[in-house]
N, C-alpha and C. Protein backbone atom coordinates (compact mmCIF):
# COMPACT_ATOMS: atom_id res chain seq x y z
N GLN A 1 -60.71 -104.08 -17.29
CA GLN A 1 -61.13 -105.26 -18.04
C GLN A 1 -62.30 -104.87 -18.93
N VAL A 2 -62.34 -105.48 -20.10
CA VAL A 2 -63.47 -105.28 -21.02
C VAL A 2 -64.20 -106.60 -21.17
N ASP A 3 -65.49 -106.52 -21.49
CA ASP A 3 -66.22 -107.77 -21.69
C ASP A 3 -65.83 -108.37 -23.03
N ASP A 4 -66.28 -109.58 -23.31
CA ASP A 4 -65.84 -110.24 -24.53
C ASP A 4 -66.76 -110.01 -25.72
N GLY A 5 -67.53 -108.94 -25.68
CA GLY A 5 -68.32 -108.57 -26.85
C GLY A 5 -67.44 -107.90 -27.88
N ARG A 6 -67.95 -107.74 -29.10
CA ARG A 6 -67.16 -107.11 -30.16
C ARG A 6 -67.02 -105.62 -29.89
N LYS A 7 -65.77 -105.17 -29.95
CA LYS A 7 -65.50 -103.74 -29.77
C LYS A 7 -64.08 -103.44 -30.18
N ILE A 8 -63.82 -102.18 -30.37
CA ILE A 8 -62.46 -101.72 -30.64
C ILE A 8 -61.97 -101.04 -29.36
N VAL A 9 -60.81 -101.46 -28.91
CA VAL A 9 -60.21 -100.88 -27.72
C VAL A 9 -58.95 -100.12 -28.15
N VAL A 10 -58.87 -98.87 -27.76
CA VAL A 10 -57.68 -98.06 -28.04
C VAL A 10 -57.00 -97.83 -26.69
N ALA A 11 -55.73 -98.21 -26.61
CA ALA A 11 -55.02 -98.08 -25.34
C ALA A 11 -53.57 -97.70 -25.58
N THR A 12 -52.99 -97.03 -24.61
CA THR A 12 -51.58 -96.71 -24.65
C THR A 12 -50.80 -97.87 -24.03
N PRO A 13 -49.51 -97.99 -24.35
CA PRO A 13 -48.71 -99.09 -23.79
C PRO A 13 -48.78 -99.12 -22.26
N GLY A 14 -49.07 -100.29 -21.75
CA GLY A 14 -49.16 -100.48 -20.31
C GLY A 14 -50.54 -100.23 -19.74
N ALA A 15 -51.45 -99.68 -20.53
CA ALA A 15 -52.79 -99.39 -20.04
C ALA A 15 -53.85 -100.25 -20.74
N GLU A 16 -53.43 -101.33 -21.38
CA GLU A 16 -54.36 -102.18 -22.10
C GLU A 16 -55.23 -102.95 -21.10
N PRO A 17 -56.56 -102.85 -21.23
CA PRO A 17 -57.41 -103.63 -20.34
C PRO A 17 -57.39 -105.11 -20.73
N ALA A 18 -57.57 -105.97 -19.75
CA ALA A 18 -57.63 -107.41 -20.02
C ALA A 18 -58.96 -107.74 -20.69
N ALA A 19 -58.93 -108.73 -21.57
CA ALA A 19 -60.14 -109.21 -22.24
C ALA A 19 -60.25 -110.71 -21.97
N PRO A 20 -61.37 -111.17 -21.41
CA PRO A 20 -61.52 -112.60 -21.17
C PRO A 20 -61.33 -113.39 -22.47
N GLY A 21 -60.47 -114.37 -22.45
CA GLY A 21 -60.22 -115.15 -23.65
C GLY A 21 -59.26 -114.50 -24.62
N GLY A 22 -58.79 -113.29 -24.32
CA GLY A 22 -57.84 -112.59 -25.17
C GLY A 22 -58.50 -111.78 -26.26
N TYR A 23 -57.78 -110.84 -26.79
CA TYR A 23 -58.25 -110.03 -27.90
C TYR A 23 -58.20 -110.86 -29.18
N ALA A 24 -59.06 -110.53 -30.12
CA ALA A 24 -59.03 -111.19 -31.42
C ALA A 24 -57.84 -110.70 -32.24
N ALA A 25 -57.48 -109.44 -32.04
CA ALA A 25 -56.37 -108.86 -32.80
C ALA A 25 -55.81 -107.67 -32.05
N ALA A 26 -54.57 -107.34 -32.39
CA ALA A 26 -53.94 -106.12 -31.88
C ALA A 26 -53.20 -105.45 -33.02
N LEU A 27 -53.38 -104.15 -33.15
CA LEU A 27 -52.63 -103.35 -34.11
C LEU A 27 -51.66 -102.50 -33.29
N LEU A 28 -50.38 -102.74 -33.46
CA LEU A 28 -49.36 -101.98 -32.76
C LEU A 28 -48.92 -100.86 -33.69
N LEU A 29 -49.40 -99.66 -33.43
CA LEU A 29 -49.22 -98.53 -34.33
C LEU A 29 -47.91 -97.80 -34.06
N ASP A 30 -47.46 -97.08 -35.08
CA ASP A 30 -46.27 -96.22 -34.97
C ASP A 30 -45.06 -96.96 -34.41
N ALA A 31 -44.81 -98.15 -34.91
CA ALA A 31 -43.69 -98.95 -34.40
C ALA A 31 -42.36 -98.24 -34.57
N ALA A 32 -42.21 -97.43 -35.61
CA ALA A 32 -40.96 -96.70 -35.80
C ALA A 32 -40.76 -95.65 -34.73
N MET A 33 -41.84 -95.07 -34.23
CA MET A 33 -41.74 -94.04 -33.19
C MET A 33 -41.18 -94.62 -31.90
N GLY A 34 -41.57 -95.84 -31.58
CA GLY A 34 -41.14 -96.44 -30.33
C GLY A 34 -39.83 -97.18 -30.42
N SER A 35 -39.25 -97.29 -31.63
CA SER A 35 -38.04 -98.09 -31.77
C SER A 35 -36.99 -97.47 -32.67
N GLY A 36 -37.26 -96.34 -33.25
CA GLY A 36 -36.33 -95.78 -34.23
C GLY A 36 -35.45 -94.67 -33.71
N SER A 37 -35.20 -94.63 -32.43
CA SER A 37 -34.40 -93.58 -31.83
C SER A 37 -32.94 -94.01 -31.69
N THR A 38 -32.07 -93.05 -31.41
CA THR A 38 -30.67 -93.36 -31.15
C THR A 38 -30.41 -93.59 -29.66
N VAL A 39 -31.44 -93.49 -28.84
CA VAL A 39 -31.30 -93.72 -27.40
C VAL A 39 -30.96 -95.18 -27.17
N LEU A 40 -29.96 -95.43 -26.31
CA LEU A 40 -29.60 -96.81 -26.00
C LEU A 40 -30.78 -97.53 -25.38
N GLY A 41 -31.02 -98.75 -25.81
CA GLY A 41 -32.06 -99.58 -25.21
C GLY A 41 -33.44 -99.36 -25.77
N VAL A 42 -33.60 -98.45 -26.73
CA VAL A 42 -34.94 -98.17 -27.24
C VAL A 42 -35.55 -99.40 -27.93
N ASN A 43 -34.73 -100.19 -28.63
CA ASN A 43 -35.27 -101.37 -29.31
C ASN A 43 -35.71 -102.44 -28.31
N ILE A 44 -34.97 -102.58 -27.22
CA ILE A 44 -35.34 -103.53 -26.17
C ILE A 44 -36.65 -103.08 -25.52
N ALA A 45 -36.77 -101.78 -25.25
CA ALA A 45 -37.99 -101.24 -24.66
C ALA A 45 -39.19 -101.42 -25.59
N ALA A 46 -38.97 -101.19 -26.89
CA ALA A 46 -40.05 -101.37 -27.86
C ALA A 46 -40.47 -102.84 -27.90
N MET A 47 -39.50 -103.76 -27.93
CA MET A 47 -39.83 -105.19 -27.93
C MET A 47 -40.66 -105.56 -26.71
N ARG A 48 -40.28 -105.03 -25.55
CA ARG A 48 -41.01 -105.33 -24.32
C ARG A 48 -42.46 -104.84 -24.42
N ARG A 49 -42.67 -103.62 -24.94
CA ARG A 49 -44.03 -103.09 -25.10
C ARG A 49 -44.83 -103.95 -26.08
N TRP A 50 -44.20 -104.34 -27.19
CA TRP A 50 -44.90 -105.14 -28.19
C TRP A 50 -45.29 -106.50 -27.63
N ILE A 51 -44.37 -107.12 -26.92
CA ILE A 51 -44.68 -108.44 -26.34
C ILE A 51 -45.78 -108.32 -25.30
N ASN A 52 -45.71 -107.28 -24.46
CA ASN A 52 -46.74 -107.09 -23.45
C ASN A 52 -48.12 -106.94 -24.08
N ALA A 53 -48.20 -106.29 -25.23
CA ALA A 53 -49.49 -106.15 -25.92
C ALA A 53 -49.87 -107.47 -26.61
N ALA A 54 -48.91 -108.12 -27.23
CA ALA A 54 -49.20 -109.35 -27.98
C ALA A 54 -49.70 -110.49 -27.09
N VAL A 55 -49.21 -110.56 -25.86
CA VAL A 55 -49.66 -111.66 -24.99
C VAL A 55 -51.12 -111.50 -24.58
N LEU A 56 -51.71 -110.34 -24.82
CA LEU A 56 -53.13 -110.14 -24.53
C LEU A 56 -54.04 -110.67 -25.63
N VAL A 57 -53.43 -111.04 -26.76
CA VAL A 57 -54.18 -111.54 -27.92
C VAL A 57 -54.28 -113.06 -27.82
N ARG A 58 -55.43 -113.58 -28.19
CA ARG A 58 -55.60 -115.05 -28.16
C ARG A 58 -54.62 -115.72 -29.11
N ALA A 59 -54.37 -116.97 -28.91
CA ALA A 59 -53.42 -117.73 -29.73
C ALA A 59 -53.82 -117.71 -31.20
N SER A 60 -52.83 -117.81 -32.07
CA SER A 60 -53.12 -117.79 -33.51
C SER A 60 -53.99 -118.99 -33.90
N ASP A 61 -53.85 -120.12 -33.22
CA ASP A 61 -54.71 -121.28 -33.50
C ASP A 61 -56.17 -120.97 -33.22
N ASP A 62 -56.42 -119.98 -32.35
CA ASP A 62 -57.78 -119.56 -32.02
C ASP A 62 -58.19 -118.31 -32.80
N GLY A 63 -57.40 -117.97 -33.83
CA GLY A 63 -57.74 -116.83 -34.68
C GLY A 63 -57.10 -115.51 -34.29
N GLY A 64 -56.27 -115.49 -33.26
CA GLY A 64 -55.64 -114.26 -32.83
C GLY A 64 -54.61 -113.76 -33.83
N ARG A 65 -54.53 -112.45 -34.00
CA ARG A 65 -53.59 -111.84 -34.93
C ARG A 65 -52.97 -110.60 -34.30
N VAL A 66 -51.68 -110.37 -34.59
CA VAL A 66 -50.98 -109.17 -34.15
C VAL A 66 -50.34 -108.56 -35.38
N MET A 67 -50.57 -107.25 -35.56
CA MET A 67 -49.98 -106.54 -36.69
C MET A 67 -49.11 -105.41 -36.16
N LEU A 68 -47.88 -105.35 -36.64
CA LEU A 68 -46.93 -104.32 -36.27
C LEU A 68 -46.87 -103.33 -37.43
N LEU A 69 -47.28 -102.10 -37.20
CA LEU A 69 -47.38 -101.11 -38.27
C LEU A 69 -46.46 -99.93 -38.03
N GLY A 70 -45.90 -99.37 -39.09
CA GLY A 70 -45.16 -98.13 -38.95
C GLY A 70 -43.68 -98.21 -39.21
N HIS A 71 -43.19 -99.15 -39.96
CA HIS A 71 -41.79 -99.24 -40.39
C HIS A 71 -40.78 -99.27 -39.24
N PRO A 72 -40.86 -100.27 -38.38
CA PRO A 72 -39.86 -100.39 -37.30
C PRO A 72 -38.53 -100.86 -37.87
N PRO A 73 -37.45 -100.74 -37.11
CA PRO A 73 -36.16 -101.27 -37.57
C PRO A 73 -36.28 -102.77 -37.84
N VAL A 74 -35.63 -103.23 -38.91
CA VAL A 74 -35.77 -104.62 -39.34
C VAL A 74 -35.35 -105.61 -38.26
N ALA A 75 -34.21 -105.39 -37.63
CA ALA A 75 -33.73 -106.35 -36.63
C ALA A 75 -34.72 -106.49 -35.48
N THR A 76 -35.31 -105.39 -35.06
CA THR A 76 -36.26 -105.42 -33.95
C THR A 76 -37.55 -106.11 -34.36
N SER A 77 -38.07 -105.77 -35.53
CA SER A 77 -39.32 -106.39 -35.97
C SER A 77 -39.13 -107.88 -36.25
N GLN A 78 -37.98 -108.26 -36.80
CA GLN A 78 -37.73 -109.68 -37.05
C GLN A 78 -37.61 -110.46 -35.75
N ALA A 79 -36.98 -109.87 -34.75
CA ALA A 79 -36.90 -110.53 -33.44
C ALA A 79 -38.30 -110.69 -32.85
N PHE A 80 -39.17 -109.71 -33.05
CA PHE A 80 -40.55 -109.80 -32.57
C PHE A 80 -41.30 -110.90 -33.29
N VAL A 81 -41.17 -110.95 -34.61
CA VAL A 81 -41.85 -111.98 -35.40
C VAL A 81 -41.40 -113.37 -34.97
N ARG A 82 -40.10 -113.53 -34.68
CA ARG A 82 -39.56 -114.83 -34.24
C ARG A 82 -39.79 -115.07 -32.75
N TRP A 83 -40.32 -114.06 -32.07
CA TRP A 83 -40.55 -114.11 -30.62
C TRP A 83 -39.22 -114.41 -29.92
N ASP A 84 -38.22 -113.58 -30.25
CA ASP A 84 -36.86 -113.81 -29.79
C ASP A 84 -36.28 -112.58 -29.08
N PRO A 85 -36.83 -112.19 -27.93
CA PRO A 85 -36.27 -111.03 -27.24
C PRO A 85 -34.84 -111.28 -26.76
N ALA A 86 -34.52 -112.52 -26.41
CA ALA A 86 -33.15 -112.83 -25.98
C ALA A 86 -32.16 -112.61 -27.12
N GLY A 87 -32.52 -113.00 -28.33
CA GLY A 87 -31.66 -112.78 -29.49
C GLY A 87 -31.44 -111.30 -29.74
N LEU A 88 -32.50 -110.49 -29.60
CA LEU A 88 -32.36 -109.05 -29.77
C LEU A 88 -31.45 -108.48 -28.69
N ALA A 89 -31.61 -108.92 -27.47
CA ALA A 89 -30.76 -108.44 -26.37
C ALA A 89 -29.29 -108.81 -26.61
N GLU A 90 -29.05 -110.02 -27.09
CA GLU A 90 -27.67 -110.44 -27.39
C GLU A 90 -27.07 -109.57 -28.48
N ARG A 91 -27.86 -109.25 -29.49
CA ARG A 91 -27.38 -108.41 -30.59
C ARG A 91 -27.06 -107.00 -30.08
N GLU A 92 -27.96 -106.46 -29.26
CA GLU A 92 -27.74 -105.12 -28.69
C GLU A 92 -26.47 -105.10 -27.85
N LEU A 93 -26.27 -106.12 -27.02
CA LEU A 93 -25.08 -106.18 -26.18
C LEU A 93 -23.81 -106.29 -27.04
N ALA A 94 -23.86 -107.10 -28.08
CA ALA A 94 -22.69 -107.23 -28.97
C ALA A 94 -22.35 -105.89 -29.61
N GLU A 95 -23.37 -105.14 -30.03
CA GLU A 95 -23.13 -103.82 -30.62
C GLU A 95 -22.53 -102.87 -29.60
N ARG A 96 -23.02 -102.93 -28.36
CA ARG A 96 -22.50 -102.05 -27.31
C ARG A 96 -21.07 -102.43 -26.94
N LEU A 97 -20.76 -103.71 -26.97
CA LEU A 97 -19.38 -104.13 -26.72
C LEU A 97 -18.45 -103.56 -27.80
N GLU A 98 -18.88 -103.69 -29.04
CA GLU A 98 -18.07 -103.20 -30.17
C GLU A 98 -17.87 -101.69 -30.12
N LEU A 99 -18.89 -100.96 -29.68
CA LEU A 99 -18.82 -99.50 -29.64
C LEU A 99 -18.37 -98.96 -28.29
N ALA A 100 -18.10 -99.84 -27.33
CA ALA A 100 -17.70 -99.45 -25.97
C ALA A 100 -18.74 -98.51 -25.35
N LEU A 101 -19.99 -98.98 -25.36
CA LEU A 101 -21.10 -98.25 -24.75
C LEU A 101 -21.65 -99.06 -23.58
N PRO A 102 -22.30 -98.38 -22.60
CA PRO A 102 -22.91 -99.13 -21.50
C PRO A 102 -23.92 -100.14 -22.03
N PRO A 103 -24.04 -101.28 -21.42
CA PRO A 103 -23.44 -101.74 -20.17
C PRO A 103 -22.09 -102.42 -20.37
N ALA A 104 -21.54 -102.41 -21.57
CA ALA A 104 -20.24 -103.05 -21.81
C ALA A 104 -19.11 -102.31 -21.09
N VAL A 105 -19.28 -101.01 -20.91
CA VAL A 105 -18.31 -100.19 -20.18
C VAL A 105 -19.09 -99.33 -19.20
N ARG A 106 -18.38 -98.70 -18.32
CA ARG A 106 -19.00 -97.70 -17.44
C ARG A 106 -18.73 -96.35 -18.07
N ALA A 107 -19.75 -95.55 -18.24
CA ALA A 107 -19.58 -94.27 -18.91
C ALA A 107 -20.27 -93.16 -18.13
N ALA A 108 -19.73 -91.97 -18.24
CA ALA A 108 -20.33 -90.80 -17.61
C ALA A 108 -20.29 -89.65 -18.59
N ALA A 109 -21.33 -88.84 -18.56
CA ALA A 109 -21.39 -87.62 -19.35
C ALA A 109 -21.37 -86.45 -18.36
N VAL A 110 -20.48 -85.50 -18.60
CA VAL A 110 -20.38 -84.32 -17.76
C VAL A 110 -20.67 -83.12 -18.66
N THR A 111 -21.71 -82.37 -18.34
CA THR A 111 -22.17 -81.29 -19.20
C THR A 111 -22.19 -79.98 -18.43
N GLY A 112 -21.73 -78.91 -19.07
CA GLY A 112 -21.76 -77.59 -18.45
C GLY A 112 -21.15 -76.55 -19.36
N GLU A 113 -21.08 -75.33 -18.85
CA GLU A 113 -20.44 -74.25 -19.60
C GLU A 113 -18.96 -74.60 -19.77
N PRO A 114 -18.34 -74.17 -20.87
CA PRO A 114 -16.94 -74.54 -21.11
C PRO A 114 -16.00 -74.24 -19.94
N ALA A 115 -16.12 -73.09 -19.31
CA ALA A 115 -15.22 -72.75 -18.19
C ALA A 115 -15.46 -73.69 -17.00
N ALA A 116 -16.72 -74.01 -16.73
CA ALA A 116 -17.04 -74.92 -15.63
C ALA A 116 -16.50 -76.32 -15.92
N LEU A 117 -16.60 -76.74 -17.18
CA LEU A 117 -16.06 -78.06 -17.55
C LEU A 117 -14.55 -78.11 -17.41
N ARG A 118 -13.88 -77.04 -17.82
CA ARG A 118 -12.42 -77.00 -17.68
C ARG A 118 -12.02 -77.10 -16.20
N ALA A 119 -12.72 -76.38 -15.33
CA ALA A 119 -12.43 -76.43 -13.89
C ALA A 119 -12.71 -77.83 -13.34
N PHE A 120 -13.81 -78.41 -13.76
CA PHE A 120 -14.15 -79.77 -13.29
C PHE A 120 -13.09 -80.75 -13.75
N ARG A 121 -12.68 -80.65 -15.00
CA ARG A 121 -11.67 -81.57 -15.56
C ARG A 121 -10.33 -81.42 -14.84
N ARG A 122 -10.01 -80.21 -14.46
CA ARG A 122 -8.76 -79.95 -13.74
C ARG A 122 -8.76 -80.67 -12.38
N ASP A 123 -9.91 -80.73 -11.72
CA ASP A 123 -10.02 -81.37 -10.40
C ASP A 123 -10.26 -82.88 -10.48
N LEU A 124 -10.49 -83.39 -11.66
CA LEU A 124 -10.86 -84.80 -11.84
C LEU A 124 -9.62 -85.69 -11.90
N ARG A 125 -9.55 -86.67 -11.03
CA ARG A 125 -8.44 -87.64 -10.99
C ARG A 125 -8.98 -88.99 -11.44
N LEU A 126 -8.88 -89.23 -12.73
CA LEU A 126 -9.47 -90.43 -13.34
C LEU A 126 -8.58 -91.66 -13.16
N PRO A 127 -9.18 -92.85 -13.14
CA PRO A 127 -8.37 -94.07 -13.16
C PRO A 127 -7.55 -94.13 -14.45
N ALA A 128 -6.45 -94.84 -14.41
CA ALA A 128 -5.53 -94.91 -15.57
C ALA A 128 -6.21 -95.47 -16.80
N THR A 129 -7.22 -96.29 -16.62
CA THR A 129 -7.90 -96.92 -17.76
C THR A 129 -8.97 -96.03 -18.39
N ALA A 130 -9.21 -94.87 -17.81
CA ALA A 130 -10.29 -94.00 -18.30
C ALA A 130 -9.94 -93.40 -19.66
N GLU A 131 -10.96 -93.25 -20.45
CA GLU A 131 -10.85 -92.61 -21.76
C GLU A 131 -11.71 -91.36 -21.72
N VAL A 132 -11.17 -90.25 -22.18
CA VAL A 132 -11.89 -88.97 -22.19
C VAL A 132 -12.22 -88.61 -23.63
N LEU A 133 -13.48 -88.40 -23.90
CA LEU A 133 -13.93 -87.99 -25.23
C LEU A 133 -14.51 -86.59 -25.12
N GLY A 134 -14.01 -85.67 -25.91
CA GLY A 134 -14.51 -84.32 -25.88
C GLY A 134 -13.59 -83.40 -25.10
N PRO A 135 -14.03 -82.23 -24.82
CA PRO A 135 -15.43 -81.79 -24.83
C PRO A 135 -15.93 -81.46 -26.24
N VAL A 136 -17.22 -81.61 -26.40
CA VAL A 136 -17.88 -81.27 -27.65
C VAL A 136 -19.07 -80.36 -27.32
N PRO A 137 -19.36 -79.39 -28.20
CA PRO A 137 -20.52 -78.53 -27.92
C PRO A 137 -21.83 -79.30 -28.07
N VAL A 138 -22.75 -79.06 -27.13
CA VAL A 138 -24.09 -79.64 -27.23
C VAL A 138 -25.15 -78.55 -27.41
N SER A 139 -24.74 -77.32 -27.16
CA SER A 139 -25.57 -76.13 -27.41
C SER A 139 -24.61 -74.95 -27.44
N PRO A 140 -25.09 -73.78 -27.80
CA PRO A 140 -24.17 -72.63 -27.81
C PRO A 140 -23.55 -72.34 -26.44
N GLU A 141 -24.25 -72.70 -25.37
CA GLU A 141 -23.76 -72.40 -24.02
C GLU A 141 -23.07 -73.58 -23.34
N GLU A 142 -23.34 -74.81 -23.77
CA GLU A 142 -22.85 -75.97 -23.03
C GLU A 142 -22.00 -76.89 -23.88
N HIS A 143 -21.03 -77.52 -23.22
CA HIS A 143 -20.19 -78.55 -23.83
C HIS A 143 -20.32 -79.81 -22.98
N ARG A 144 -19.86 -80.94 -23.53
CA ARG A 144 -19.97 -82.21 -22.82
C ARG A 144 -18.69 -83.01 -22.96
N LEU A 145 -18.29 -83.62 -21.84
CA LEU A 145 -17.22 -84.62 -21.80
C LEU A 145 -17.87 -85.98 -21.64
N ILE A 146 -17.36 -86.96 -22.34
CA ILE A 146 -17.77 -88.35 -22.11
C ILE A 146 -16.55 -89.06 -21.52
N LEU A 147 -16.76 -89.71 -20.41
CA LEU A 147 -15.69 -90.45 -19.73
C LEU A 147 -16.12 -91.90 -19.68
N ARG A 148 -15.20 -92.80 -20.02
CA ARG A 148 -15.57 -94.21 -19.93
C ARG A 148 -14.39 -95.04 -19.45
N THR A 149 -14.74 -96.11 -18.76
CA THR A 149 -13.75 -97.05 -18.22
C THR A 149 -14.29 -98.46 -18.41
N PRO A 150 -13.40 -99.45 -18.33
CA PRO A 150 -13.90 -100.82 -18.29
C PRO A 150 -14.80 -100.98 -17.06
N ARG A 151 -15.73 -101.91 -17.12
CA ARG A 151 -16.66 -102.12 -16.01
C ARG A 151 -15.92 -102.34 -14.68
N ALA A 152 -14.79 -103.03 -14.73
CA ALA A 152 -14.04 -103.31 -13.51
C ALA A 152 -13.58 -102.04 -12.80
N ASP A 153 -13.43 -100.94 -13.54
CA ASP A 153 -13.00 -99.67 -12.95
C ASP A 153 -14.16 -98.70 -12.78
N GLY A 154 -15.37 -99.18 -12.88
CA GLY A 154 -16.55 -98.33 -12.75
C GLY A 154 -16.64 -97.63 -11.41
N SER A 155 -16.30 -98.35 -10.33
CA SER A 155 -16.35 -97.73 -8.99
C SER A 155 -15.32 -96.62 -8.88
N ALA A 156 -14.15 -96.82 -9.47
CA ALA A 156 -13.11 -95.78 -9.43
C ALA A 156 -13.56 -94.55 -10.21
N LEU A 157 -14.23 -94.75 -11.34
CA LEU A 157 -14.76 -93.61 -12.11
C LEU A 157 -15.79 -92.86 -11.27
N SER A 158 -16.71 -93.58 -10.65
CA SER A 158 -17.73 -92.93 -9.82
C SER A 158 -17.09 -92.17 -8.67
N ALA A 159 -16.09 -92.76 -8.02
CA ALA A 159 -15.41 -92.10 -6.91
C ALA A 159 -14.71 -90.83 -7.39
N ALA A 160 -14.09 -90.87 -8.56
CA ALA A 160 -13.41 -89.69 -9.11
C ALA A 160 -14.41 -88.57 -9.41
N LEU A 161 -15.56 -88.94 -9.97
CA LEU A 161 -16.59 -87.94 -10.26
C LEU A 161 -17.11 -87.32 -8.96
N HIS A 162 -17.33 -88.16 -7.96
CA HIS A 162 -17.82 -87.68 -6.67
C HIS A 162 -16.81 -86.72 -6.03
N ALA A 163 -15.53 -87.08 -6.07
CA ALA A 163 -14.49 -86.24 -5.47
C ALA A 163 -14.40 -84.89 -6.19
N ALA A 164 -14.46 -84.90 -7.51
CA ALA A 164 -14.39 -83.65 -8.27
C ALA A 164 -15.60 -82.77 -7.99
N ALA A 165 -16.77 -83.38 -7.87
CA ALA A 165 -17.98 -82.62 -7.54
C ALA A 165 -17.87 -82.04 -6.13
N ALA A 166 -17.30 -82.79 -5.20
CA ALA A 166 -17.11 -82.30 -3.83
C ALA A 166 -16.17 -81.10 -3.80
N LEU A 167 -15.11 -81.16 -4.61
CA LEU A 167 -14.17 -80.03 -4.69
C LEU A 167 -14.88 -78.78 -5.23
N ARG A 168 -15.71 -78.96 -6.25
CA ARG A 168 -16.47 -77.83 -6.79
C ARG A 168 -17.33 -77.21 -5.71
N SER A 169 -17.98 -78.07 -4.94
CA SER A 169 -18.84 -77.59 -3.86
C SER A 169 -18.02 -76.85 -2.80
N ALA A 170 -16.88 -77.43 -2.42
CA ALA A 170 -16.02 -76.80 -1.41
C ALA A 170 -15.50 -75.44 -1.88
N HIS A 171 -15.23 -75.32 -3.19
CA HIS A 171 -14.76 -74.05 -3.74
C HIS A 171 -15.90 -73.10 -4.06
N ARG A 172 -17.12 -73.57 -3.80
CA ARG A 172 -18.35 -72.78 -4.04
C ARG A 172 -18.47 -72.34 -5.50
N ASP A 173 -18.10 -73.24 -6.40
CA ASP A 173 -18.28 -72.98 -7.83
C ASP A 173 -19.78 -72.95 -8.11
N THR A 174 -20.25 -71.89 -8.75
CA THR A 174 -21.69 -71.73 -8.95
C THR A 174 -22.16 -72.14 -10.34
N ALA A 175 -21.26 -72.21 -11.31
CA ALA A 175 -21.69 -72.62 -12.66
C ALA A 175 -22.06 -74.09 -12.61
N PRO A 176 -23.26 -74.43 -13.04
CA PRO A 176 -23.70 -75.82 -12.91
C PRO A 176 -22.95 -76.77 -13.83
N VAL A 177 -22.68 -77.97 -13.32
CA VAL A 177 -22.13 -79.08 -14.09
C VAL A 177 -23.03 -80.27 -13.82
N ARG A 178 -23.55 -80.87 -14.85
CA ARG A 178 -24.47 -82.02 -14.74
C ARG A 178 -23.69 -83.30 -15.03
N ILE A 179 -23.80 -84.27 -14.13
CA ILE A 179 -23.10 -85.54 -14.28
C ILE A 179 -24.14 -86.65 -14.42
N GLN A 180 -24.02 -87.43 -15.48
CA GLN A 180 -24.90 -88.58 -15.70
C GLN A 180 -24.02 -89.81 -15.88
N VAL A 181 -24.26 -90.83 -15.07
CA VAL A 181 -23.49 -92.07 -15.16
C VAL A 181 -24.35 -93.13 -15.84
N ASP A 182 -23.80 -93.78 -16.87
CA ASP A 182 -24.49 -94.82 -17.62
C ASP A 182 -25.87 -94.40 -18.09
N ALA A 183 -25.98 -93.15 -18.53
CA ALA A 183 -27.25 -92.62 -19.03
C ALA A 183 -27.57 -93.26 -20.37
N LEU A 184 -28.86 -93.53 -20.59
CA LEU A 184 -29.28 -94.10 -21.87
C LEU A 184 -29.31 -93.05 -22.96
N ASP A 185 -29.54 -91.81 -22.60
CA ASP A 185 -29.61 -90.74 -23.59
C ASP A 185 -28.83 -89.54 -23.08
N VAL A 186 -27.76 -89.21 -23.76
CA VAL A 186 -26.98 -88.04 -23.39
C VAL A 186 -27.04 -86.97 -24.47
N SER A 187 -28.12 -87.00 -25.27
CA SER A 187 -28.25 -86.00 -26.32
C SER A 187 -28.83 -84.71 -25.78
């Protein structure tokens, strides 16, 4: 907590000290850094950080001001200005539905050396509704498969991944294969 005398407080998100009566102003810097990524959910996370900081500022009727600086995405900044996190979440979900991305679908990324991926894929018994994308190279040494199913078949996808991983273990396959289910960032 800081006293209510005049001062400049510099804080990172989540570490803002409370000020009795609220801050007179908040400058939210580098808004593009916190919201301009291709990682799923980054705009929702940015909105949450901005709102958490803004609620520490006194009401505008009492002279409080919040400034968002750094060229954030228009949809995210407009939702913040309108104080509409639910609208932003609805928009994000609609985009994910259209693109068949989590949470609209259940998805898994399987990453490893090409030979290890081929062996894993050979042992994988996917539900009939599963869609396989790839493999695509992610580095000179590694490739990635993206597997997705409707949410209703998410448990079947997880069970298939678990069974294939168990077979690899039983066969003592040593080349690593990394499995991420509903990961926000598979880059």
